[in-house]
Protein backbone atom coordinates (compact mmCIF):
# COMPACT_ATOMS: atom_id res chain seq x y z
CA MET A 1 0.00 0.00 0.00
CA LYS A 2 2.85 2.32 0.89
CA LYS A 3 4.48 1.46 -2.44
CA ILE A 4 1.34 2.32 -4.38
CA PHE A 5 1.04 5.64 -2.57
CA ALA A 6 4.68 6.44 -3.27
CA LEU A 7 4.18 5.73 -7.02
CA ILE A 8 1.11 7.97 -7.08
CA CYS A 9 3.07 10.83 -5.50
CA LEU A 10 5.95 10.47 -8.00
CA PHE A 11 3.58 10.42 -10.95
CA SER A 12 1.83 13.51 -9.61
CA ALA A 13 5.16 15.38 -9.28
CA LEU A 14 6.20 14.49 -12.82
CA ALA A 15 2.82 15.57 -14.23
CA PHE A 16 3.05 18.93 -12.41
CA ALA A 17 6.56 19.50 -13.72
CA GLY A 18 5.46 18.81 -17.34
CA ALA A 19 2.44 21.10 -17.03
CA SER A 20 4.61 24.01 -15.79
CA GLU A 21 6.92 23.67 -18.83
CA TRP A 22 4.00 23.95 -21.34
CA GLU A 23 2.60 27.05 -19.63
CA LYS A 24 5.79 29.08 -20.28
CA ALA A 25 5.62 31.43 -23.30
CA PRO A 26 7.81 30.23 -26.15
CA THR A 27 10.84 32.38 -26.98
CA PHE A 28 11.94 32.94 -30.63
CA ALA A 29 15.44 33.92 -31.70
CA VAL A 30 15.36 37.15 -33.74
CA PRO A 31 18.45 37.86 -35.90
CA GLN A 32 20.38 40.95 -34.81
CA GLU A 33 20.28 42.65 -38.18
CA THR A 34 16.47 42.43 -38.38
CA THR A 35 15.85 44.00 -34.98
CA LEU A 36 14.22 47.36 -35.55
CA ASP A 37 14.87 50.39 -33.43
CA PRO A 38 12.33 53.18 -33.98
CA GLN A 39 14.90 55.94 -33.56
CA GLU A 40 17.44 54.30 -35.83
CA SER A 41 14.89 53.46 -38.52
CA SER A 42 13.59 57.01 -38.64
CA SER A 43 17.10 58.44 -38.94
CA GLU A 44 18.11 55.96 -41.65
CA GLU A 45 14.98 56.19 -43.79
CA ALA A 46 14.86 59.98 -43.96
CA PRO A 47 17.81 60.39 -46.34
CA ALA A 48 16.41 57.66 -48.58
CA VAL A 49 13.18 59.61 -48.98
CA GLU A 50 15.07 62.83 -49.71
CA SER A 51 17.28 61.19 -52.33
CA SER A 52 14.40 59.52 -54.11
CA ALA A 53 12.28 62.68 -54.36
CA PRO A 54 13.62 65.00 -57.11
CA GLU A 55 13.77 68.70 -56.47
CA VAL A 56 11.00 70.84 -57.93
CA SER A 57 13.37 73.04 -59.93
CA THR A 58 14.97 70.00 -61.57
CA VAL A 59 11.60 68.65 -62.60
CA GLU A 60 10.56 72.01 -64.08
CA VAL A 61 13.75 72.39 -66.12
CA SER A 62 13.63 68.87 -67.46
CA THR A 63 9.95 69.30 -68.32
CA VAL A 64 10.67 72.52 -70.22
CA LYS A 65 13.56 70.96 -72.09
CA ALA A 66 11.50 67.95 -73.01
CA SER A 67 8.47 69.96 -74.14
CA ALA A 68 10.34 72.72 -76.05
CA PRO A 69 10.38 72.05 -79.83
CA LYS A 70 13.76 71.56 -81.44
CA VAL A 71 14.74 74.42 -83.74
CA GLU A 72 16.70 73.00 -86.65
CA LYS A 73 18.96 75.30 -88.66
CA VAL A 74 17.82 75.56 -92.25
CA ARG A 75 20.57 74.35 -94.55
CA ILE A 76 21.24 76.55 -97.55
CA ALA A 77 21.86 74.56 -100.72
CA HIS A 78 25.31 75.25 -102.14
CA PRO A 79 26.19 78.39 -100.15
CA LYS A 80 28.68 80.74 -101.81
CA GLU A 81 28.82 78.69 -104.97
CA HIS A 82 27.90 79.48 -108.56
CA ARG A 83 25.14 76.95 -109.20
CA GLY A 84 21.64 77.20 -110.62
CA PHE A 85 20.06 80.50 -111.58
CA TYR A 86 22.63 83.17 -112.40
CA SER A 87 22.00 86.91 -112.77
CA ASN A 88 24.24 89.95 -112.79
CA PHE A 89 23.74 93.69 -112.83
CA SER A 90 26.74 95.91 -113.58
CA MET A 91 27.16 99.64 -113.78
CA GLY A 92 30.21 101.72 -114.50
CA PHE A 93 32.44 103.80 -116.73
CA SER A 94 32.90 103.19 -120.48
CA TYR A 95 34.96 104.68 -123.29
CA ALA A 96 34.24 104.17 -127.01
CA ASN A 97 36.06 105.08 -130.22
CA PHE A 98 33.94 104.75 -133.36
CA HIS A 99 35.10 105.05 -136.97
CA VAL A 100 33.53 104.10 -140.31
CA GLU A 101 34.36 104.93 -143.90
CA ASN A 102 32.79 104.01 -147.20
CA GLU A 103 33.99 104.48 -150.74
CA ASP A 104 31.65 103.97 -153.70
CA ASP A 105 33.19 104.71 -157.06
CA LYS A 106 33.94 108.43 -156.86
CA ASP A 107 31.99 109.07 -153.67
CA TYR A 108 33.59 108.90 -150.27
CA GLU A 109 32.17 109.15 -146.75
CA GLU A 110 33.89 109.03 -143.39
CA ALA A 111 32.68 109.49 -139.82
CA SER A 112 34.30 109.19 -136.42
CA PHE A 113 33.37 109.61 -132.78
CA GLN A 114 35.08 109.23 -129.41
CA GLY A 115 33.53 109.78 -126.03
CA TYR A 116 32.84 108.63 -122.49
CA THR A 117 29.84 107.64 -120.46
CA PHE A 118 28.81 107.05 -116.88
CA PRO A 119 26.97 104.93 -116.28
CA LEU A 120 26.91 102.07 -118.73
CA MET A 121 24.19 99.60 -117.67
CA ASP A 122 24.76 95.87 -118.19
CA PHE A 123 22.35 92.98 -117.45
CA ARG A 124 23.02 89.25 -117.59
CA PHE A 125 20.71 86.27 -117.00
CA GLY A 126 21.55 82.59 -117.26
CA VAL A 127 22.62 79.48 -115.40
CA ALA A 128 25.73 78.50 -113.43
CA VAL A 129 27.09 74.94 -113.47
CA ALA A 130 29.26 73.12 -110.90
CA ASN A 131 30.59 76.32 -109.29
CA LEU A 132 32.79 76.62 -112.37
CA LEU A 133 30.95 77.96 -115.43
CA ALA A 134 28.20 80.53 -115.94
CA PHE A 135 26.31 80.81 -119.25
CA TYR A 136 24.20 83.89 -119.82
CA THR A 137 22.52 86.29 -122.21
CA GLU A 138 23.95 89.81 -121.96
CA PHE A 139 22.36 93.16 -122.73
CA ASN A 140 23.85 96.62 -122.21
CA PHE A 141 23.28 100.19 -123.35
CA ALA A 142 24.85 103.60 -122.84
CA PHE A 143 24.82 107.20 -124.04
CA TYR A 144 28.29 108.51 -124.81
CA MET A 145 29.20 112.19 -124.84
CA GLY A 146 32.13 113.33 -126.96
CA ASP A 147 33.53 114.66 -130.22
CA ALA A 148 32.33 113.65 -133.67
CA ASP A 149 33.53 114.49 -137.18
CA ASP A 150 32.25 113.61 -140.62
CA VAL A 151 33.28 114.32 -144.17
CA SER A 152 31.65 113.46 -147.50
CA LEU A 153 32.96 113.79 -151.06
CA TYR A 154 30.56 113.53 -154.01
CA CYS A 155 31.75 113.74 -157.59
CA ASP A 156 29.66 113.83 -160.75
CA SER A 157 30.43 112.25 -164.09
CA TYR A 158 32.27 115.35 -165.23
CA GLY A 159 34.72 115.19 -162.34
CA ASP A 160 33.23 118.01 -160.35
CA CYS A 161 33.31 117.18 -156.61
CA ASP A 162 31.45 118.59 -153.69
CA VAL A 163 32.99 118.26 -150.24
CA ASP A 164 30.99 118.58 -147.03
CA LYS A 165 32.54 118.54 -143.56
CA GLY A 166 31.05 118.68 -140.13
CA SER A 167 32.29 118.67 -136.56
CA ASP A 168 30.59 118.79 -133.18
CA ASP A 169 32.25 118.84 -129.77
CA ASN A 170 28.99 118.03 -127.98
CA SER A 171 27.77 115.08 -129.97
CA ILE A 172 26.06 111.99 -128.56
CA MET A 173 26.40 108.33 -129.46
CA ALA A 174 23.74 105.91 -128.24
CA ARG A 175 24.84 102.29 -128.32
CA SER A 176 23.26 98.97 -127.34
CA TYR A 177 24.58 95.42 -127.40
CA VAL A 178 22.97 91.97 -127.13
CA GLY A 179 25.08 88.83 -126.93
CA PHE A 180 25.64 85.39 -125.50
CA GLY A 181 28.46 84.98 -122.99
CA MET A 182 30.26 82.70 -120.59
CA SER A 183 32.31 83.26 -117.42
CA ILE A 184 34.80 80.82 -115.88
CA TYR A 185 35.42 80.70 -112.12
CA PRO A 186 38.56 78.52 -111.91
CA PHE A 187 39.05 78.71 -108.11
CA ARG A 188 36.19 76.65 -106.71
CA ASP A 189 37.42 76.43 -103.09
CA THR A 190 35.24 78.87 -101.13
CA SER A 191 37.98 79.34 -98.52
CA SER A 192 40.55 80.48 -101.08
CA VAL A 193 41.38 84.19 -101.38
CA LEU A 194 41.16 83.73 -105.16
CA ASN A 195 37.61 82.40 -104.98
CA GLY A 196 35.42 84.69 -107.11
CA PHE A 197 38.13 85.50 -109.64
CA PHE A 198 36.76 85.02 -113.15
CA LEU A 199 37.47 85.30 -116.86
CA GLY A 200 34.64 85.89 -119.28
CA GLY A 201 33.57 86.92 -122.73
CA SER A 202 30.63 87.23 -125.07
CA ILE A 203 29.81 87.58 -128.77
CA GLY A 204 26.82 89.37 -130.21
CA TYR A 205 25.32 92.22 -132.19
CA GLY A 206 25.23 95.92 -131.48
CA ALA A 207 23.82 99.12 -132.90
CA GLU A 208 24.88 102.75 -132.52
CA VAL A 209 23.51 106.11 -133.55
CA VAL A 210 25.58 109.31 -133.55
CA TYR A 211 23.94 112.71 -133.38
CA GLY A 212 25.43 116.17 -133.49
CA ALA A 213 23.85 119.48 -134.48
CA ASP A 214 26.83 120.44 -136.67
CA LEU A 215 27.29 117.09 -138.39
CA GLU A 216 26.41 116.66 -142.05
CA GLU A 217 26.11 112.99 -142.93
CA ILE A 218 26.15 110.73 -139.88
CA ALA A 219 23.61 112.60 -137.78
CA GLY A 220 20.79 110.19 -136.98
CA GLU A 221 22.15 107.34 -139.09
CA ALA A 222 22.17 103.92 -137.43
CA ASN A 223 25.02 101.48 -137.83
CA LEU A 224 24.73 97.78 -137.10
CA ASP A 225 27.73 95.76 -135.96
CA TRP A 226 28.81 92.40 -134.66
CA GLY A 227 31.61 91.94 -132.18
CA PHE A 228 32.95 90.49 -128.96
CA THR A 229 33.77 91.42 -125.38
CA VAL A 230 36.46 89.94 -123.10
CA GLU A 231 36.42 90.52 -119.36
CA ILE A 232 38.41 89.87 -116.17
CA GLY A 233 37.29 90.54 -112.63
CA LYS A 234 36.75 89.46 -109.03
CA ASP A 235 33.63 88.91 -106.92
CA TRP A 236 33.39 88.91 -103.12
CA TRP A 237 30.56 87.05 -101.38
CA VAL A 238 28.43 89.13 -99.00
CA ASN A 239 26.07 86.27 -98.06
CA ASP A 240 25.27 82.74 -99.23
CA HIS A 241 23.97 83.82 -102.64
CA LEU A 242 24.96 87.45 -103.32
CA SER A 243 28.34 88.86 -104.25
CA ILE A 244 29.73 92.26 -105.18
CA GLY A 245 32.64 92.71 -107.54
CA LEU A 246 34.73 94.74 -109.91
CA SER A 247 35.64 93.96 -113.53
CA ALA A 248 37.41 95.42 -116.55
CA ALA A 249 36.35 94.60 -120.11
CA TYR A 250 37.52 95.35 -123.65
CA PHE A 251 35.12 95.30 -126.60
CA HIS A 252 35.45 95.51 -130.37
CA ALA A 253 32.79 95.58 -133.06
CA SER A 254 32.78 95.80 -136.86
CA PRO A 255 29.97 97.75 -138.52
CA LYS A 256 27.97 95.80 -141.09
CA LEU A 257 26.43 98.66 -143.11
CA ASN A 258 27.95 101.35 -145.33
CA VAL A 259 31.57 100.38 -144.73
CA THR A 260 34.45 99.48 -147.04
CA GLY A 261 37.58 100.70 -145.23
CA ASP A 262 40.08 98.54 -143.41
CA ASP A 263 40.03 100.33 -140.06
CA ASN A 264 36.28 100.44 -139.59
CA GLY A 265 34.99 99.51 -136.21
CA ILE A 266 34.30 100.51 -132.69
CA ASN A 267 36.70 99.87 -129.80
CA GLY A 268 36.40 100.62 -126.14
CA PHE A 269 36.56 99.39 -122.59
CA HIS A 270 34.39 99.21 -119.48
CA ILE A 271 35.17 99.41 -115.77
CA LEU A 272 32.16 97.94 -113.98
CA PHE A 273 30.87 97.54 -110.44
CA ARG A 274 29.01 94.23 -110.20
CA LEU A 275 26.18 92.70 -108.19
CA THR A 276 25.79 88.96 -108.82
CA ARG A 277 23.17 86.45 -107.70
CA GLY A 278 24.01 82.75 -107.93
């Protein structure tokens, strides 16, 4: 009986000990790096928020840059090159020396004029190719002031001759010329100091009329001629398509009407200020 009682007491002690162990709250091991401290977390997270939030001014600038349209510079085709449409207007000083003579059996006529003009007006229109060649139609006209002389000798069948002479220091010669020409621009490099230098020339037809109050035979008579012009000069670009320049030209023409002498013709030269497009 005592043994049974002793076993009951031992069993009761063991049962009480097991019950006390189950009633304790379980403890969990938390890693050190995951333990959160409110003060530390607040101090560590604040910079992260500041770094992730962009400043207002930065957002505004980037927005403006993104929304502003891009302005592209318009590219000029072939700047400072002679290509495409070509036109030129020139104005300047000109000198002319005109002489014609005609002999018909016993009759003889001679007329001469020399004078100056300012301005002579010259126009050219055409096309330029490869920044090298310019082809154009040329037209110019001028009124020259100077000295004129004429003489005429008429003889009848009996050998009687009548001589008429005239001279006028204030005579006028009006002259026009139409021709086809070409200019060569050999220095194509736009950075070269020789860029714009050119050689040119034209061939065509002209007409002139000399008038003087004291002239006898040539007053009001028109003479037609054919001839040529040669020219040398230099242009300087002022923008992508316009240039200004200076040139010197020599011209010669041979009258086609009422002439038989060997030294008939008109000679002269121009000094021109130029404005060129293309």
